[in-house]
Amino acid sequence: MHHLKHDVVIIGAGIIGAATAWQLSRQNPRLSIAVLEKEPGAAHHQSGTNSGVIHSGIYYKPGSLKALNCRQGYQELLDFCQQHNIRHEICGKLIAAVTPEEASRLPALLQNGQANGLEGLRLLGAEEAHEREPHLQCLSAIQVPQTGIVDYREVTEKLLQLSLEAGTKIHYSTRVTGLICRPEETFVQTTSGEWRCRLAINCAGLYTDKLAAMTGHDDGLMVLPFRGEYYELTPERRYLVRHLIYPVPNPAFPFLGVHFTRMTDGRIEAGPNAVLAFRREGYRLHDIHLGEMLEMLAFPGLRCIARKYWRIELEELRRSFSKKFFVKALQRLIPEVRPQDLLPHPAGVRAMACKPNGELVDDFYIKQDAGVIHVLNAPSPAATASLAIGRHIASLVNF
């Protein structure tokens, strides 16, 4: 079955695909745009299963795409939410140092945030931190007023609705099986037939590298799926957390550590840990895809990561198998948390692009080839930065 030709076909209805469709439809209303999504609805994976944080940009290397897009996208996201009545709140967060070694890293983190244009950052002593979060135990903390919370699924759905109203076609339950770039035309083969277009935009999240490989693109990267497991506090113990509480990030590990996040509906999430999933969309411990698992195990980059991080990963894995160890990690920040205070909560999976030498790609990575644009790496803070990323991708479309 052959479908009509479009100017642009966007693969993936997560927040990056949705933001790109919206920005493109605003920038050039005459373009014929289609969005293809393999799931029956939008934001089924990373965009709808993250912790809903509007990131301030304090962590990212000054001048990096993460830092620049996060700061630009932050304000655009707030304006978008206000304009379309999407529930959100700028509630601020504390980055809490529990040991003297962690406390010694706070001034450099504060400076990094200031270099990225953040204002109002403050270094708090234990007493001031305790005033803001009475149940937090720490030696010192950075107060980050710009951090907020939002439901990114809601944002994604609104972006797609606006794109639809502007004439974009959206096709769900349509999985891409082939991507062929010819000089004048790109063919997107799917379970619902073939789409022809002048340009395809690959926003397939956990499968971007697979789709890129279909076009012959090969820079050696593999997307590795890391499952983030959460609990949530029981309603009667939500008072333990007022805003957002984060640990000081471990410079030797690419994840932020377990933290407490208040959600827009009042729930308090606790987590996530970070364990390698044995399938790209492996949301549960027993989710295994033999082909994908063998592919990952054969990838030299994964073996390098295993050698480098095995001690830390062992700790993360223990938290996966044992609620007791998970609670212990949370008690570093809030000693009053008990096992009975935690309810199970659905996990998320984040895509991390990895080089064959085991180096995780630390920045956004968007590559333009003839007839296709690949969004090869869009980890956190991609949701916060999504409108800026979408605008950047739209600017690459020059016909």
Protein backbone atom coordinates (compact mmCIF):
# COMPACT_ATOMS: atom_id res chain seq x y z
CA MET A 1 0.00 0.00 0.00
CA HIS A 2 1.52 3.33 -1.08
CA HIS A 3 0.62 6.51 0.73
CA LEU A 4 0.70 10.06 -0.60
CA LYS A 5 4.04 11.77 -0.74
CA HIS A 6 4.80 14.23 2.08
CA ASP A 7 7.48 16.88 2.35
CA VAL A 8 8.53 15.61 5.79
CA VAL A 9 7.87 12.36 7.65
CA ILE A 10 8.73 12.41 11.37
CA ILE A 11 9.31 9.00 12.94
CA GLY A 12 8.31 8.91 16.61
CA ALA A 13 5.57 10.72 18.56
CA GLY A 14 7.59 11.35 21.70
CA ILE A 15 8.20 14.91 22.87
CA ILE A 16 11.07 15.57 20.39
CA GLY A 17 9.05 14.30 17.41
CA ALA A 18 6.01 16.29 18.60
CA ALA A 19 8.02 19.49 19.20
CA THR A 20 9.63 19.15 15.76
CA ALA A 21 6.24 18.71 14.07
CA TRP A 22 4.86 21.78 15.88
CA GLN A 23 7.88 23.99 15.15
CA LEU A 24 7.94 22.89 11.48
CA SER A 25 4.21 23.50 11.01
CA ARG A 26 4.59 27.02 12.48
CA GLN A 27 7.79 27.82 10.58
CA ASN A 28 6.46 26.65 7.21
CA PRO A 29 2.68 26.12 7.17
CA ARG A 30 2.81 25.07 3.49
CA LEU A 31 4.79 21.91 4.26
CA SER A 32 3.00 18.58 4.13
CA ILE A 33 4.02 16.75 7.35
CA ALA A 34 3.24 13.28 8.70
CA VAL A 35 4.16 11.79 12.08
CA LEU A 36 4.45 7.99 12.33
CA GLU A 37 4.32 6.24 15.73
CA LYS A 38 4.50 2.50 16.38
CA GLU A 39 2.45 2.72 19.61
CA PRO A 40 -1.31 3.32 19.73
CA GLY A 41 -0.74 6.79 21.25
CA ALA A 42 1.83 9.48 21.98
CA ALA A 43 4.62 9.58 24.61
CA HIS A 44 4.49 5.86 25.48
CA HIS A 45 8.19 5.60 26.31
CA GLN A 46 10.78 8.11 27.57
CA SER A 47 8.53 11.16 27.16
CA GLY A 48 5.72 9.68 29.24
CA THR A 49 7.65 7.68 31.85
CA ASN A 50 10.19 10.21 33.12
CA SER A 51 10.07 12.01 36.47
CA GLY A 52 8.46 15.16 35.04
CA VAL A 53 11.20 17.59 36.09
CA ILE A 54 11.72 20.94 34.36
CA HIS A 55 15.51 21.09 34.58
CA SER A 56 17.26 24.37 35.33
CA GLY A 57 20.53 23.58 33.52
CA ILE A 58 22.85 23.59 36.55
CA TYR A 59 24.68 20.34 35.70
CA TYR A 60 25.60 20.75 32.05
CA LYS A 61 28.94 21.77 30.61
CA PRO A 62 28.81 25.50 29.72
CA GLY A 63 28.56 25.98 25.96
CA SER A 64 27.31 22.41 25.33
CA LEU A 65 24.11 21.78 23.35
CA LYS A 66 22.55 20.49 26.58
CA ALA A 67 23.30 23.74 28.42
CA LEU A 68 22.26 26.07 25.58
CA ASN A 69 19.08 24.22 24.62
CA CYS A 70 18.07 23.65 28.24
CA ARG A 71 18.23 27.37 29.04
CA GLN A 72 16.39 28.38 25.84
CA GLY A 73 13.92 25.51 25.98
CA TYR A 74 13.20 26.11 29.67
CA GLN A 75 11.62 29.53 29.07
CA GLU A 76 9.83 28.36 25.92
CA LEU A 77 8.37 25.40 27.81
CA LEU A 78 7.09 27.66 30.61
CA ASP A 79 5.53 30.05 28.08
CA PHE A 80 3.95 27.12 26.23
CA CYS A 81 2.49 25.66 29.46
CA GLN A 82 1.08 29.04 30.50
CA GLN A 83 -0.40 29.70 27.07
CA HIS A 84 -2.12 26.30 26.90
CA ASN A 85 -3.08 25.90 30.57
CA ILE A 86 -0.82 22.89 31.18
CA ARG A 87 -0.37 22.28 34.88
CA HIS A 88 3.18 23.03 35.99
CA GLU A 89 4.98 24.59 38.92
CA ILE A 90 8.41 26.15 39.48
CA CYS A 91 8.91 24.80 42.98
CA GLY A 92 12.72 24.76 43.20
CA LYS A 93 15.00 21.99 44.38
CA LEU A 94 17.81 21.32 46.80
CA ILE A 95 21.00 19.47 45.83
CA ALA A 96 22.01 18.08 49.19
CA ALA A 97 25.53 17.13 50.32
CA VAL A 98 25.57 14.33 52.90
CA THR A 99 29.35 13.85 53.30
CA PRO A 100 32.24 16.39 53.54
CA GLU A 101 33.51 15.13 50.16
CA GLU A 102 30.10 15.89 48.54
CA ALA A 103 30.01 19.29 50.28
CA SER A 104 33.40 20.13 48.76
CA ARG A 105 31.93 19.63 45.25
CA LEU A 106 29.04 22.08 45.72
CA PRO A 107 30.92 25.38 45.02
CA ALA A 108 32.08 24.11 41.59
CA LEU A 109 28.51 22.98 40.78
CA LEU A 110 27.20 26.41 41.84
CA GLN A 111 29.76 28.11 39.56
CA ASN A 112 28.78 25.83 36.69
CA GLY A 113 25.14 26.85 37.11
CA GLN A 114 26.06 30.53 37.15
CA ALA A 115 28.15 30.06 33.98
CA ASN A 116 24.98 28.63 32.37
CA GLY A 117 23.04 31.78 33.25
CA LEU A 118 21.14 30.60 36.32
CA GLU A 119 20.25 33.26 38.86
CA GLY A 120 19.34 33.02 42.52
CA LEU A 121 21.45 29.93 43.23
CA ARG A 122 22.38 29.81 46.91
CA LEU A 123 24.68 27.68 48.99
CA LEU A 124 22.78 26.76 52.17
CA GLY A 125 24.10 25.48 55.47
CA ALA A 126 22.45 22.53 57.21
CA GLU A 127 20.10 24.78 59.17
CA GLU A 128 18.79 26.73 56.16
CA ALA A 129 18.37 23.52 54.17
CA HIS A 130 16.42 22.07 57.09
CA GLU A 131 14.12 25.11 57.10
CA ARG A 132 13.19 24.42 53.47
CA GLU A 133 13.02 20.64 53.86
CA PRO A 134 12.46 19.80 57.56
CA HIS A 135 13.03 16.04 57.10
CA LEU A 136 16.21 16.34 55.02
CA GLN A 137 19.51 15.48 56.66
CA CYS A 138 22.55 17.11 55.04
CA LEU A 139 25.69 19.13 55.76
CA SER A 140 24.97 21.75 53.09
CA ALA A 141 22.94 22.18 49.91
CA ILE A 142 22.49 24.29 46.79
CA GLN A 143 19.09 25.89 46.42
CA VAL A 144 18.03 25.94 42.75
CA PRO A 145 14.94 28.14 42.42
CA GLN A 146 14.43 27.54 38.66
CA THR A 147 13.68 23.80 38.82
CA GLY A 148 10.05 22.85 38.24
CA ILE A 149 7.60 20.03 37.55
CA VAL A 150 5.25 19.23 34.65
CA ASP A 151 3.57 16.24 32.99
CA TYR A 152 5.50 15.78 29.73
CA ARG A 153 2.88 13.42 28.31
CA GLU A 154 0.41 16.31 28.52
CA VAL A 155 2.92 18.64 26.80
CA THR A 156 3.51 16.07 24.02
CA GLU A 157 -0.21 15.57 23.44
CA LYS A 158 -0.81 19.33 23.24
CA LEU A 159 2.06 19.79 20.74
CA LEU A 160 0.58 17.03 18.55
CA GLN A 161 -2.94 18.46 18.82
CA LEU A 162 -1.68 21.88 17.66
CA SER A 163 0.27 20.23 14.81
CA LEU A 164 -2.85 18.31 13.80
CA GLU A 165 -4.85 21.55 13.74
CA ALA A 166 -2.12 23.02 11.49
CA GLY A 167 -2.61 20.16 9.01
CA THR A 168 -0.04 17.60 10.15
CA LYS A 169 -1.16 13.97 9.69
CA ILE A 170 -0.51 11.62 12.63
CA HIS A 171 -0.54 7.84 12.18
CA TYR A 172 -0.40 5.60 15.26
CA SER A 173 0.21 1.82 15.36
CA THR A 174 2.59 2.31 12.43
CA ARG A 175 6.01 0.75 12.98
CA VAL A 176 8.87 1.59 10.63
CA THR A 177 10.47 -1.50 9.09
CA GLY A 178 12.72 0.12 6.49
CA LEU A 179 14.22 3.51 5.67
CA ILE A 180 15.75 4.01 2.21
CA CYS A 181 17.29 7.30 1.08
CA ARG A 182 17.50 8.00 -2.67
CA PRO A 183 18.83 11.23 -4.25
CA GLU A 184 15.39 12.75 -4.81
CA GLU A 185 13.23 10.84 -2.34
CA THR A 186 13.22 8.96 0.95
CA PHE A 187 11.07 5.84 1.36
CA VAL A 188 9.73 5.02 4.83
CA GLN A 189 8.51 1.43 4.88
CA THR A 190 6.09 0.58 7.70
CA THR A 191 3.65 -2.06 8.90
CA SER A 192 0.91 0.14 7.34
CA GLY A 193 2.52 0.57 3.94
CA GLU A 194 5.12 2.87 2.43
CA TRP A 195 5.45 6.63 2.82
CA ARG A 196 7.48 8.72 0.38
CA CYS A 197 8.95 12.03 1.41
CA ARG A 198 11.60 14.62 0.64
CA LEU A 199 12.99 14.31 4.16
CA ALA A 200 12.57 11.86 7.04
CA ILE A 201 13.33 12.88 10.63
CA ASN A 202 14.31 10.00 12.90
CA CYS A 203 13.08 10.72 16.45
CA ALA A 204 12.71 7.05 17.38
CA GLY A 205 14.24 7.33 20.87
CA LEU A 206 15.42 3.90 21.98
CA TYR A 207 15.58 2.73 18.34
CA THR A 208 17.22 5.73 16.62
CA ASP A 209 20.48 3.87 15.95
CA LYS A 210 18.56 0.94 14.40
CA LEU A 211 16.71 3.26 12.04
CA ALA A 212 19.93 5.14 11.24
CA ALA A 213 21.57 1.81 10.31
CA MET A 214 18.75 1.18 7.79
CA THR A 215 19.97 4.22 5.82
CA GLY A 216 23.59 3.04 5.92
CA HIS A 217 24.53 5.58 8.61
CA ASP A 218 27.17 4.08 10.86
CA ASP A 219 29.23 6.01 13.37
CA GLY A 220 29.67 3.02 15.65
CA LEU A 221 27.15 4.21 18.24
CA MET A 222 24.73 1.89 19.98
CA VAL A 223 21.76 3.02 22.05
CA LEU A 224 21.87 1.26 25.42
CA PRO A 225 18.66 1.10 27.46
CA PHE A 226 18.98 1.85 31.19
CA ARG A 227 15.93 1.09 33.31
CA GLY A 228 15.14 3.57 36.06
CA GLU A 229 13.06 1.99 38.81
CA TYR A 230 10.92 4.09 41.13
CA TYR A 231 8.82 3.89 44.24
CA GLU A 232 6.34 6.46 45.41
CA LEU A 233 5.65 7.60 48.96
CA THR A 234 2.36 6.54 50.51
CA PRO A 235 -0.12 9.47 50.70
CA GLU A 236 0.23 9.76 54.47
CA ARG A 237 4.03 10.15 54.20
CA ARG A 238 4.11 12.74 51.41
CA TYR A 239 4.70 15.43 54.03
CA LEU A 240 8.32 14.20 54.27
CA VAL A 241 9.14 16.02 51.00
CA ARG A 242 8.09 19.57 50.19
CA HIS A 243 9.79 20.20 46.85
CA LEU A 244 12.53 18.30 44.99
CA ILE A 245 15.56 16.83 46.74
CA TYR A 246 18.58 15.56 44.79
CA PRO A 247 21.91 14.13 45.93
CA VAL A 248 25.20 15.65 44.74
CA PRO A 249 25.92 13.85 41.44
CA ASN A 250 28.73 11.31 41.47
CA PRO A 251 31.32 12.59 38.95
CA ALA A 252 32.31 8.98 38.21
CA PHE A 253 28.80 7.94 37.12
CA PRO A 254 26.64 9.41 34.31
CA PHE A 255 23.36 9.35 36.28
CA LEU A 256 22.08 11.71 38.98
CA GLY A 257 21.38 9.18 41.76
CA VAL A 258 18.10 8.43 43.57
CA HIS A 259 16.14 11.54 44.46
CA PHE A 260 12.71 12.72 45.62
CA THR A 261 10.43 14.44 43.10
CA ARG A 262 7.04 15.97 43.76
CA MET A 263 4.69 15.41 40.81
CA THR A 264 2.04 17.81 39.49
CA ASP A 265 -0.73 15.64 41.00
CA GLY A 266 0.84 15.74 44.50
CA ARG A 267 2.47 12.30 44.45
CA ILE A 268 6.10 11.99 45.55
CA GLU A 269 8.35 9.78 43.43
CA ALA A 270 11.48 8.25 44.94
CA GLY A 271 14.17 7.03 42.55
CA PRO A 272 15.37 6.13 40.01
CA ASN A 273 18.24 3.69 40.12
CA ALA A 274 19.92 2.88 36.77
CA VAL A 275 20.30 -0.71 35.59
CA LEU A 276 20.94 -2.03 32.09
CA ALA A 277 17.72 -3.40 30.60
CA PHE A 278 17.93 -6.63 28.56
CA ARG A 279 15.59 -5.29 25.93
CA ARG A 280 15.30 -1.76 24.62
CA GLU A 281 11.85 -1.34 26.09
CA GLY A 282 12.51 -3.49 29.15
CA TYR A 283 10.40 -1.88 31.85
CA ARG A 284 10.42 -4.90 34.17
CA LEU A 285 13.21 -7.02 35.55
CA HIS A 286 12.10 -10.08 33.58
CA ASP A 287 11.66 -8.22 30.24
CA ILE A 288 14.23 -9.89 28.01
CA HIS A 289 14.59 -9.84 24.22
CA LEU A 290 17.20 -12.44 23.32
CA GLY A 291 18.27 -10.80 20.03
CA GLU A 292 18.62 -7.33 21.56
CA MET A 293 20.39 -8.70 24.63
CA LEU A 294 22.95 -10.64 22.56
CA GLU A 295 23.52 -7.58 20.38
CA MET A 296 24.25 -5.46 23.48
CA LEU A 297 26.53 -8.09 25.02
CA ALA A 298 28.51 -8.30 21.77
CA PHE A 299 28.99 -4.53 21.65
CA PRO A 300 32.54 -3.61 22.80
CA GLY A 301 31.28 -0.34 24.34
CA LEU A 302 29.12 -2.24 26.84
CA ARG A 303 32.08 -4.35 27.93
CA CYS A 304 34.10 -1.15 28.51
CA ILE A 305 31.25 0.30 30.60
CA ALA A 306 30.98 -2.92 32.61
CA ARG A 307 34.71 -2.78 33.40
CA LYS A 308 34.56 0.90 34.33
CA TYR A 309 31.36 1.00 36.39
CA TRP A 310 30.94 -2.56 37.66
CA ARG A 311 31.08 -1.60 41.35
CA ILE A 312 28.50 1.15 40.98
CA GLU A 313 26.31 -1.00 38.72
CA LEU A 314 26.39 -3.76 41.32
CA GLU A 315 24.97 -1.28 43.86
CA GLU A 316 22.29 -0.19 41.38
CA LEU A 317 21.42 -3.85 40.74
CA ARG A 318 21.15 -4.58 44.46
CA ARG A 319 18.60 -1.77 44.69
CA SER A 320 16.74 -3.39 41.82
CA PHE A 321 16.44 -6.72 43.64
CA SER A 322 16.12 -5.44 47.20
CA LYS A 323 13.71 -2.82 48.51
CA LYS A 324 15.84 -2.71 51.66
CA PHE A 325 18.86 -1.41 49.71
CA PHE A 326 16.67 1.06 47.82
CA VAL A 327 15.35 2.41 51.12
CA LYS A 328 18.91 2.68 52.43
CA ALA A 329 19.85 4.94 49.50
CA LEU A 330 16.80 7.15 50.17
CA GLN A 331 17.58 7.30 53.89
CA ARG A 332 20.89 9.03 53.13
CA LEU A 333 18.75 12.10 52.39
CA ILE A 334 15.64 11.47 54.50
CA PRO A 335 16.40 9.10 57.39
CA GLU A 336 12.70 8.81 58.35
CA VAL A 337 11.78 6.89 55.17
CA ARG A 338 10.81 3.28 56.01
CA PRO A 339 10.15 0.32 53.69
CA GLN A 340 6.42 0.46 54.45
CA ASP A 341 6.33 4.10 53.24
CA LEU A 342 7.06 3.06 49.65
CA LEU A 343 4.57 1.85 47.03
CA PRO A 344 5.66 0.28 43.70
CA HIS A 345 5.70 2.67 40.77
CA PRO A 346 6.15 1.99 37.01
CA ALA A 347 9.74 2.14 35.77
CA GLY A 348 11.10 4.22 32.90
CA VAL A 349 13.81 3.36 30.36
CA ARG A 350 16.29 5.97 29.14
CA ALA A 351 18.28 5.75 25.93
CA MET A 352 22.01 6.39 26.26
CA ALA A 353 24.12 6.48 23.07
CA CYS A 354 27.44 4.75 23.63
CA LYS A 355 30.64 4.74 21.56
CA PRO A 356 32.54 1.50 20.89
CA ASN A 357 35.21 2.61 23.41
CA GLY A 358 32.59 2.71 26.19
CA GLU A 359 32.26 6.48 26.28
CA LEU A 360 28.66 7.57 26.78
CA VAL A 361 27.73 10.46 24.48
CA ASP A 362 27.33 13.30 26.95
CA ASP A 363 25.54 15.80 24.72
CA PHE A 364 22.64 16.01 22.31
CA TYR A 365 23.71 14.54 18.98
CA ILE A 366 21.76 15.33 15.80
CA LYS A 367 23.18 14.23 12.43
CA GLN A 368 21.95 15.31 9.02
CA ASP A 369 22.48 12.98 6.05
CA ALA A 370 21.02 13.19 2.54
CA GLY A 371 17.25 12.78 2.85
CA VAL A 372 17.20 12.18 6.62
CA ILE A 373 17.94 13.82 9.97
CA HIS A 374 18.81 11.48 12.84
CA VAL A 375 18.32 12.49 16.49
CA LEU A 376 20.91 10.01 17.72
CA ASN A 377 21.19 11.14 21.34
CA ALA A 378 18.64 13.15 23.31
CA PRO A 379 18.98 12.22 26.99
CA SER A 380 17.86 14.41 29.91
CA PRO A 381 17.28 17.40 29.77
CA ALA A 382 15.79 16.75 26.30
CA ALA A 383 12.19 17.02 27.56
CA THR A 384 12.90 20.43 29.15
CA ALA A 385 14.78 21.50 26.01
CA SER A 386 12.31 19.92 23.56
CA LEU A 387 10.91 23.13 22.06
CA ALA A 388 14.42 24.47 21.44
CA ILE A 389 15.55 21.12 19.98
CA GLY A 390 12.43 20.99 17.78
CA ARG A 391 13.15 24.52 16.55
CA HIS A 392 16.78 23.59 15.79
CA ILE A 393 15.70 20.49 13.80
CA ALA A 394 13.08 22.56 11.95
CA SER A 395 15.81 25.07 11.01
CA LEU A 396 17.70 22.26 9.24
CA VAL A 397 14.75 21.73 6.87
CA ASN A 398 15.60 24.08 4.02
CA PHE A 399 13.13 23.60 1.23
